[in-house]
C-alpha atoms as a PDB file:
ATOM      1  CA  MET A   1      58.022 111.174 127.641  1.00  0.00           C
ATOM      2  CA  SER A   2      54.481 112.529 127.400  1.00  0.00           C
ATOM      3  CA  TRP A   3      53.579 115.520 129.539  1.00  0.00           C
ATOM      4  CA  HIS A   4      50.737 115.004 132.005  1.00  0.00           C
ATOM      5  CA  VAL A   5      48.625 118.159 132.181  1.00  0.00           C
ATOM      6  CA  PHE A   6      46.305 118.575 135.165  1.00  0.00           C
ATOM      7  CA  PHE A   7      43.433 121.059 134.889  1.00  0.00           C
ATOM      8  CA  ASP A   8      41.434 122.643 137.645  1.00  0.00           C
ATOM      9  CA  LEU A   9      37.719 122.511 136.770  1.00  0.00           C
ATOM     10  CA  ASP A  10      35.640 125.381 138.188  1.00  0.00           C
ATOM     11  CA  ARG A  11      36.720 128.767 136.769  1.00  0.00           C
ATOM     12  CA  THR A  12      39.316 127.044 134.586  1.00  0.00           C
ATOM     13  CA  LEU A  13      37.309 124.779 132.274  1.00  0.00           C
ATOM     14  CA  TRP A  14      33.719 125.070 133.548  1.00  0.00           C
ATOM     15  CA  HIS A  15      32.481 128.662 133.892  1.00  0.00           C
ATOM     16  CA  HIS A  16      31.336 128.643 137.497  1.00  0.00           C
ATOM     17  CA  GLU A  17      29.790 132.120 137.585  1.00  0.00           C
ATOM     18  CA  ARG A  18      27.804 131.840 134.355  1.00  0.00           C
ATOM     19  CA  ASN A  19      26.379 128.419 135.198  1.00  0.00           C
ATOM     20  CA  ALA A  20      25.449 129.337 138.756  1.00  0.00           C
ATOM     21  CA  GLU A  21      23.958 132.675 137.702  1.00  0.00           C
ATOM     22  CA  GLU A  22      21.765 130.985 135.103  1.00  0.00           C
ATOM     23  CA  VAL A  23      20.197 128.708 137.715  1.00  0.00           C
ATOM     24  CA  LEU A  24      19.877 131.443 140.338  1.00  0.00           C
ATOM     25  CA  ARG A  25      18.048 133.706 137.880  1.00  0.00           C
ATOM     26  CA  GLU A  26      15.617 130.871 137.208  1.00  0.00           C
ATOM     27  CA  PHE A  27      14.914 130.654 140.942  1.00  0.00           C
ATOM     28  CA  CYS A  28      13.876 134.319 141.026  1.00  0.00           C
ATOM     29  CA  THR A  29      11.095 133.617 138.521  1.00  0.00           C
ATOM     30  CA  GLU A  30      10.069 130.163 139.784  1.00  0.00           C
ATOM     31  CA  PHE A  31       9.790 130.743 143.542  1.00  0.00           C
ATOM     32  CA  SER A  32       7.126 133.241 144.574  1.00  0.00           C
ATOM     33  CA  ALA A  33       9.011 134.195 147.741  1.00  0.00           C
ATOM     34  CA  LEU A  34      11.814 135.561 145.530  1.00  0.00           C
ATOM     35  CA  LYS A  35       9.641 137.592 143.145  1.00  0.00           C
ATOM     36  CA  ASP A  36      10.829 140.917 144.586  1.00  0.00           C
ATOM     37  CA  VAL A  37      14.505 139.923 144.722  1.00  0.00           C
ATOM     38  CA  ASP A  38      16.855 141.439 142.155  1.00  0.00           C
ATOM     39  CA  PRO A  39      18.293 138.444 140.201  1.00  0.00           C
ATOM     40  CA  GLU A  40      21.630 140.159 139.641  1.00  0.00           C
ATOM     41  CA  GLU A  41      22.057 140.957 143.318  1.00  0.00           C
ATOM     42  CA  PHE A  42      20.897 137.439 144.233  1.00  0.00           C
ATOM     43  CA  ALA A  43      23.536 135.835 141.985  1.00  0.00           C
ATOM     44  CA  ALA A  44      26.332 138.175 143.082  1.00  0.00           C
ATOM     45  CA  SER A  45      25.546 137.635 146.763  1.00  0.00           C
ATOM     46  CA  TYR A  46      25.483 133.871 146.255  1.00  0.00           C
ATOM     47  CA  GLN A  47      28.978 133.963 144.736  1.00  0.00           C
ATOM     48  CA  ARG A  48      30.403 135.889 147.691  1.00  0.00           C
ATOM     49  CA  ILE A  49      28.766 133.651 150.285  1.00  0.00           C
ATOM     50  CA  ASN A  50      29.651 130.425 148.487  1.00  0.00           C
ATOM     51  CA  ASP A  51      33.286 131.458 147.993  1.00  0.00           C
ATOM     52  CA  ASP A  52      33.654 132.454 151.653  1.00  0.00           C
ATOM     53  CA  LEU A  53      32.241 129.114 152.806  1.00  0.00           C
ATOM     54  CA  TRP A  54      34.523 127.200 150.444  1.00  0.00           C
ATOM     55  CA  ASP A  55      37.498 129.100 151.867  1.00  0.00           C
ATOM     56  CA  ILE A  56      36.475 127.867 155.307  1.00  0.00           C
ATOM     57  CA  ILE A  57      36.149 124.196 154.398  1.00  0.00           C
ATOM     58  CA  GLN A  58      39.348 124.153 152.349  1.00  0.00           C
ATOM     59  CA  ALA A  59      41.293 125.643 155.253  1.00  0.00           C
ATOM     60  CA  ALA A  60      39.690 123.425 157.884  1.00  0.00           C
ATOM     61  CA  GLY A  61      39.277 120.218 155.868  1.00  0.00           C
ATOM     62  CA  TYR A  62      35.499 120.068 156.305  1.00  0.00           C
ATOM     63  CA  SER A  63      33.251 118.259 153.829  1.00  0.00           C
ATOM     64  CA  VAL A  64      31.163 120.067 151.204  1.00  0.00           C
ATOM     65  CA  ASP A  65      28.086 119.460 153.383  1.00  0.00           C
ATOM     66  CA  TYR A  66      29.263 122.392 155.516  1.00  0.00           C
ATOM     67  CA  VAL A  67      28.768 124.673 152.516  1.00  0.00           C
ATOM     68  CA  ARG A  68      25.517 123.137 151.375  1.00  0.00           C
ATOM     69  CA  LYS A  69      23.878 123.565 154.795  1.00  0.00           C
ATOM     70  CA  ARG A  70      24.768 127.230 155.047  1.00  0.00           C
ATOM     71  CA  ARG A  71      24.919 129.032 151.694  1.00  0.00           C
ATOM     72  CA  PHE A  72      21.190 129.384 150.955  1.00  0.00           C
ATOM     73  CA  PRO A  73      20.129 130.179 154.547  1.00  0.00           C
ATOM     74  CA  GLN A  74      22.733 132.964 154.538  1.00  0.00           C
ATOM     75  CA  LEU A  75      21.697 134.124 151.068  1.00  0.00           C
ATOM     76  CA  LEU A  76      18.019 134.346 151.994  1.00  0.00           C
ATOM     77  CA  ALA A  77      18.794 136.162 155.237  1.00  0.00           C
ATOM     78  CA  LEU A  78      20.629 138.761 153.162  1.00  0.00           C
ATOM     79  CA  CYS A  79      18.402 139.082 150.084  1.00  0.00           C
ATOM     80  CA  ALA A  80      14.959 138.210 151.496  1.00  0.00           C
ATOM     81  CA  PRO A  81      15.092 139.323 155.145  1.00  0.00           C
ATOM     82  CA  GLY A  82      11.304 139.642 155.391  1.00  0.00           C
ATOM     83  CA  LEU A  83      10.712 135.891 155.248  1.00  0.00           C
ATOM     84  CA  THR A  84       9.688 134.112 158.419  1.00  0.00           C
ATOM     85  CA  THR A  85      12.170 131.696 159.950  1.00  0.00           C
ATOM     86  CA  LYS A  86      10.054 128.710 158.912  1.00  0.00           C
ATOM     87  CA  VAL A  87       9.627 129.888 155.311  1.00  0.00           C
ATOM     88  CA  ARG A  88      13.309 130.762 155.040  1.00  0.00           C
ATOM     89  CA  ARG A  89      14.359 127.340 156.333  1.00  0.00           C
ATOM     90  CA  GLU A  90      12.054 125.441 153.998  1.00  0.00           C
ATOM     91  CA  LEU A  91      12.902 127.607 151.000  1.00  0.00           C
ATOM     92  CA  ALA A  92      16.640 127.251 151.638  1.00  0.00           C
ATOM     93  CA  GLN A  93      16.278 123.470 151.601  1.00  0.00           C
ATOM     94  CA  SER A  94      14.312 123.581 148.354  1.00  0.00           C
ATOM     95  CA  LEU A  95      16.819 125.904 146.707  1.00  0.00           C
ATOM     96  CA  GLU A  96      19.802 123.812 147.763  1.00  0.00           C
ATOM     97  CA  LYS A  97      18.210 120.653 146.399  1.00  0.00           C
ATOM     98  CA  ALA A  98      17.301 122.305 143.100  1.00  0.00           C
ATOM     99  CA  PHE A  99      20.692 123.978 142.789  1.00  0.00           C
ATOM    100  CA  THR A 100      22.686 120.776 143.301  1.00  0.00           C
ATOM    101  CA  GLN A 101      20.384 118.946 140.898  1.00  0.00           C
ATOM    102  CA  ARG A 102      20.538 121.491 138.066  1.00  0.00           C
ATOM    103  CA  THR A 103      23.824 123.339 138.116  1.00  0.00           C
ATOM    104  CA  PRO A 104      26.310 120.522 137.364  1.00  0.00           C
ATOM    105  CA  ASP A 105      24.446 119.778 134.128  1.00  0.00           C
ATOM    106  CA  ARG A 106      24.946 123.298 132.752  1.00  0.00           C
ATOM    107  CA  ALA A 107      27.677 123.547 130.150  1.00  0.00           C
ATOM    108  CA  HIS A 108      28.939 127.137 129.976  1.00  0.00           C
ATOM    109  CA  HIS A 109      32.713 127.049 129.532  1.00  0.00           C
ATOM    110  CA  TYR A 110      35.562 129.289 128.388  1.00  0.00           C
ATOM    111  CA  GLU A 111      35.752 130.243 124.733  1.00  0.00           C
ATOM    112  CA  GLY A 112      37.923 127.983 122.603  1.00  0.00           C
ATOM    113  CA  MET A 113      38.624 125.547 125.427  1.00  0.00           C
ATOM    114  CA  ILE A 114      37.120 122.389 123.926  1.00  0.00           C
ATOM    115  CA  PRO A 115      38.934 122.354 120.559  1.00  0.00           C
ATOM    116  CA  VAL A 116      42.229 123.208 122.252  1.00  0.00           C
ATOM    117  CA  LEU A 117      41.881 120.287 124.662  1.00  0.00           C
ATOM    118  CA  HIS A 118      41.240 117.934 121.755  1.00  0.00           C
ATOM    119  CA  ASP A 119      44.268 119.329 119.948  1.00  0.00           C
ATOM    120  CA  LEU A 120      46.468 118.803 122.995  1.00  0.00           C
ATOM    121  CA  LEU A 121      45.248 115.249 123.283  1.00  0.00           C
ATOM    122  CA  HIS A 122      46.077 114.546 119.652  1.00  0.00           C
ATOM    123  CA  GLN A 123      49.534 116.089 120.109  1.00  0.00           C
ATOM    124  CA  GLY A 124      50.401 113.513 122.745  1.00  0.00           C
ATOM    125  CA  TYR A 125      49.642 115.292 125.999  1.00  0.00           C
ATOM    126  CA  VAL A 126      47.881 113.232 128.681  1.00  0.00           C
ATOM    127  CA  LEU A 127      45.101 115.292 130.245  1.00  0.00           C
ATOM    128  CA  HIS A 128      43.642 115.040 133.746  1.00  0.00           C
ATOM    129  CA  VAL A 129      41.261 116.933 136.057  1.00  0.00           C
ATOM    130  CA  LEU A 130      42.418 117.899 139.567  1.00  0.00           C
ATOM    131  CA  THR A 131      39.707 119.787 141.431  1.00  0.00           C
ATOM    132  CA  ASN A 132      38.565 120.804 144.907  1.00  0.00           C
ATOM    133  CA  GLY A 133      35.104 119.357 144.496  1.00  0.00           C
ATOM    134  CA  VAL A 134      32.972 116.250 144.816  1.00  0.00           C
ATOM    135  CA  LEU A 135      33.361 113.492 142.232  1.00  0.00           C
ATOM    136  CA  GLU A 136      29.621 113.134 141.541  1.00  0.00           C
ATOM    137  CA  SER A 137      28.997 116.770 140.658  1.00  0.00           C
ATOM    138  CA  GLN A 138      32.368 117.361 138.982  1.00  0.00           C
ATOM    139  CA  SER A 139      31.897 114.336 136.723  1.00  0.00           C
ATOM    140  CA  ARG A 140      28.518 115.698 135.658  1.00  0.00           C
ATOM    141  CA  LYS A 141      30.102 119.033 134.722  1.00  0.00           C
ATOM    142  CA  ILE A 142      32.671 117.238 132.560  1.00  0.00           C
ATOM    143  CA  ALA A 143      29.899 115.224 130.906  1.00  0.00           C
ATOM    144  CA  ALA A 144      27.799 118.358 130.303  1.00  0.00           C
ATOM    145  CA  MET A 145      30.711 119.841 128.351  1.00  0.00           C
ATOM    146  CA  GLY A 146      31.138 116.606 126.376  1.00  0.00           C
ATOM    147  CA  LEU A 147      34.639 115.967 127.708  1.00  0.00           C
ATOM    148  CA  GLN A 148      34.202 112.475 129.170  1.00  0.00           C
ATOM    149  CA  ASP A 149      36.758 110.948 126.798  1.00  0.00           C
ATOM    150  CA  VAL A 150      39.334 113.731 127.059  1.00  0.00           C
ATOM    151  CA  PHE A 151      40.638 113.197 130.595  1.00  0.00           C
ATOM    152  CA  SER A 152      42.496 110.084 131.694  1.00  0.00           C
ATOM    153  CA  THR A 153      41.832 110.609 135.410  1.00  0.00           C
ATOM    154  CA  HIS A 154      39.604 112.726 137.654  1.00  0.00           C
ATOM    155  CA  THR A 155      40.989 113.623 141.082  1.00  0.00           C
ATOM    156  CA  THR A 156      38.586 115.328 143.476  1.00  0.00           C
ATOM    157  CA  SER A 157      39.003 116.428 147.063  1.00  0.00           C
ATOM    158  CA  ASP A 158      36.590 113.797 148.360  1.00  0.00           C
ATOM    159  CA  LEU A 159      38.632 111.032 146.710  1.00  0.00           C
ATOM    160  CA  ALA A 160      41.984 112.378 147.862  1.00  0.00           C
ATOM    161  CA  LYS A 161      40.724 113.394 151.323  1.00  0.00           C
ATOM    162  CA  ALA A 162      42.573 116.685 150.878  1.00  0.00           C
ATOM    163  CA  TYR A 163      42.088 120.093 149.266  1.00  0.00           C
ATOM    164  CA  LYS A 164      44.478 122.062 147.102  1.00  0.00           C
ATOM    165  CA  PRO A 165      46.992 123.504 147.960  1.00  0.00           C
ATOM    166  CA  ASP A 166      47.689 120.540 150.266  1.00  0.00           C
ATOM    167  CA  ARG A 167      50.467 118.505 148.687  1.00  0.00           C
ATOM    168  CA  ALA A 168      48.518 115.318 149.422  1.00  0.00           C
ATOM    169  CA  ILE A 169      45.923 115.931 146.694  1.00  0.00           C
ATOM    170  CA  PHE A 170      48.615 116.537 144.083  1.00  0.00           C
ATOM    171  CA  THR A 171      50.465 113.400 145.140  1.00  0.00           C
ATOM    172  CA  TYR A 172      47.218 111.446 144.941  1.00  0.00           C
ATOM    173  CA  ALA A 173      46.527 112.806 141.445  1.00  0.00           C
ATOM    174  CA  MET A 174      49.985 111.986 140.112  1.00  0.00           C
ATOM    175  CA  ARG A 175      49.870 108.518 141.614  1.00  0.00           C
ATOM    176  CA  ALA A 176      46.484 107.923 139.950  1.00  0.00           C
ATOM    177  CA  ALA A 177      47.901 109.213 136.660  1.00  0.00           C
ATOM    178  CA  GLY A 178      51.052 107.109 136.950  1.00  0.00           C
ATOM    179  CA  CYS A 179      53.394 110.062 136.479  1.00  0.00           C
ATOM    180  CA  LEU A 180      56.151 111.930 138.308  1.00  0.00           C
ATOM    181  CA  PRO A 181      56.211 115.626 139.287  1.00  0.00           C
ATOM    182  CA  GLU A 182      58.865 116.370 136.660  1.00  0.00           C
ATOM    183  CA  GLU A 183      56.441 115.089 133.995  1.00  0.00           C
ATOM    184  CA  SER A 184      53.496 117.120 135.247  1.00  0.00           C
ATOM    185  CA  VAL A 185      51.923 120.537 134.694  1.00  0.00           C
ATOM    186  CA  MET A 186      49.176 122.081 136.846  1.00  0.00           C
ATOM    187  CA  ILE A 187      46.826 124.599 135.191  1.00  0.00           C
ATOM    188  CA  GLY A 188      44.273 126.612 137.135  1.00  0.00           C
ATOM    189  CA  ASP A 189      42.793 129.995 137.987  1.00  0.00           C
ATOM    190  CA  SER A 190      43.850 130.080 141.645  1.00  0.00           C
ATOM    191  CA  VAL A 191      47.341 131.321 142.442  1.00  0.00           C
ATOM    192  CA  LEU A 192      47.086 129.905 145.950  1.00  0.00           C
ATOM    193  CA  ARG A 193      45.592 126.505 145.198  1.00  0.00           C
ATOM    194  CA  ASP A 194      46.811 125.713 141.696  1.00  0.00           C
ATOM    195  CA  VAL A 195      50.048 127.653 141.208  1.00  0.00           C
ATOM    196  CA  CYS A 196      51.512 127.599 144.713  1.00  0.00           C
ATOM    197  CA  GLY A 197      50.113 124.150 145.448  1.00  0.00           C
ATOM    198  CA  GLY A 198      51.410 122.702 142.195  1.00  0.00           C
ATOM    199  CA  ARG A 199      54.875 124.229 142.628  1.00  0.00           C
ATOM    200  CA  GLN A 200      55.159 122.843 146.152  1.00  0.00           C
ATOM    201  CA  ALA A 201      54.341 119.416 144.729  1.00  0.00           C
ATOM    202  CA  GLY A 202      57.171 119.739 142.200  1.00  0.00           C
ATOM    203  CA  MET A 203      55.021 120.375 139.121  1.00  0.00           C
ATOM    204  CA  LYS A 204      55.358 123.040 136.471  1.00  0.00           C
ATOM    205  CA  THR A 205      52.472 125.504 136.760  1.00  0.00           C
ATOM    206  CA  ILE A 206      50.397 127.692 134.436  1.00  0.00           C
ATOM    207  CA  TRP A 207      48.002 130.350 135.695  1.00  0.00           C
ATOM    208  CA  PHE A 208      44.756 130.778 133.751  1.00  0.00           C
ATOM    209  CA  CYS A 209      43.849 134.464 134.049  1.00  0.00           C
ATOM    210  CA  ALA A 210      40.520 134.757 132.226  1.00  0.00           C
ATOM    211  CA  PRO A 211      39.232 138.219 131.221  1.00  0.00           C
ATOM    212  CA  ASP A 212      36.562 137.930 133.928  1.00  0.00           C
ATOM    213  CA  ALA A 213      38.793 136.228 136.504  1.00  0.00           C
ATOM    214  CA  LEU A 214      38.641 136.981 140.206  1.00  0.00           C
ATOM    215  CA  LYS A 215      41.516 138.909 141.765  1.00  0.00           C
ATOM    216  CA  PRO A 216      44.557 136.733 142.586  1.00  0.00           C
ATOM    217  CA  ASP A 217      44.070 134.985 145.912  1.00  0.00           C
ATOM    218  CA  ALA A 218      47.764 134.900 146.803  1.00  0.00           C
ATOM    219  CA  GLU A 219      51.190 136.032 145.689  1.00  0.00           C
ATOM    220  CA  GLY A 220      53.044 133.522 143.573  1.00  0.00           C
ATOM    221  CA  GLU A 221      54.724 133.180 140.225  1.00  0.00           C
ATOM    222  CA  ALA A 222      53.647 130.554 137.720  1.00  0.00           C
ATOM    223  CA  ASP A 223      55.930 129.195 135.019  1.00  0.00           C
ATOM    224  CA  GLY A 224      53.458 130.484 132.439  1.00  0.00           C
ATOM    225  CA  VAL A 225      50.278 132.550 132.126  1.00  0.00           C
ATOM    226  CA  PHE A 226      47.495 132.616 129.531  1.00  0.00           C
ATOM    227  CA  SER A 227      44.173 134.422 129.226  1.00  0.00           C
ATOM    228  CA  ALA A 228      42.749 132.808 126.078  1.00  0.00           C
ATOM    229  CA  TYR A 229      42.733 129.092 125.390  1.00  0.00           C
ATOM    230  CA  SER A 230      44.099 129.692 121.896  1.00  0.00           C
ATOM    231  CA  ASP A 231      47.372 130.681 123.632  1.00  0.00           C
ATOM    232  CA  LEU A 232      47.664 127.561 125.792  1.00  0.00           C
ATOM    233  CA  PRO A 233      49.633 125.331 123.347  1.00  0.00           C
ATOM    234  CA  GLU A 234      52.270 128.020 122.882  1.00  0.00           C
ATOM    235  CA  THR A 235      52.401 128.594 126.645  1.00  0.00           C
ATOM    236  CA  LEU A 236      53.094 124.902 127.244  1.00  0.00           C
ATOM    237  CA  SER A 237      55.909 124.920 124.716  1.00  0.00           C
ATOM    238  CA  ARG A 238      57.350 128.142 126.134  1.00  0.00           C
ATOM    239  CA  ILE A 239      57.731 126.649 129.637  1.00  0.00           C
ATOM    240  CA  GLY A 240      59.514 123.589 128.274  1.00  0.00           C
ATOM    241  CA  CYS A 241      56.571 121.229 127.740  1.00  0.00           C
ATOM    242  CA  PRO A 242      56.355 120.804 123.943  1.00  0.00           C
ATOM    243  CA  PRO A 243      54.007 118.296 122.330  1.00  0.00           C
ATOM    244  CA  PHE A 244      55.268 114.748 121.966  1.00  0.00           C
ATOM    245  CA  SER A 245      54.990 115.014 118.156  1.00  0.00           C
ATOM    246  CA  SER A 246      57.546 117.858 118.037  1.00  0.00           C
ATOM    247  CA  ARG A 247      60.293 116.083 119.949  1.00  0.00           C
ATOM    248  CA  SER A 248      63.101 114.198 118.229  1.00  0.00           C
END
């Protein structure tokens, strides 16, 4: 039996904060209406607003359009309150379009992640992506990191019509992968969505707690924890998921 390992994408493989911050800092130099805005404050405020809106749609089952219509209007109201309503509306539309065009093609990721994924693949693990996101943008992030040939399947919330931690998205992912829960491991940064959701679906779970991770979003105990990708192979073995090549 080969273990099927499902990875969350944002904040687990693809460094969400670094990629978003890079684009948002560019906006502060490119758009004259933002010339007096502090880039650091702009990026930090975006993260808070975006995360809050994603919490709403994941709880309510709304589409990502709910987020995209609201995050930049809210951000401009907070960071550039002196803009007129018309300017703010038009600028928010321009920023949203530029952000969705640029950000998925940025490639900042967690140190050591890429060689470890290739090693796992060569050791007989079957790797997948399971993410609360839209297939078009999430596929571009995977391509930007050069990982197109690493993952056997990509499951996104728009394909599954469900968000983690809903059991339906995990069931969809395992059905697409052709595996059973007892053959599956879920790895992600969110205790609520990845650890608790994966456990409820019958999978083994590993929590990725990066040095710059957000605070845990729920209480829950994963089968394993790692903070550096160099420790992931050992973590898999420790929770009873050794590489295929090491089994008799």
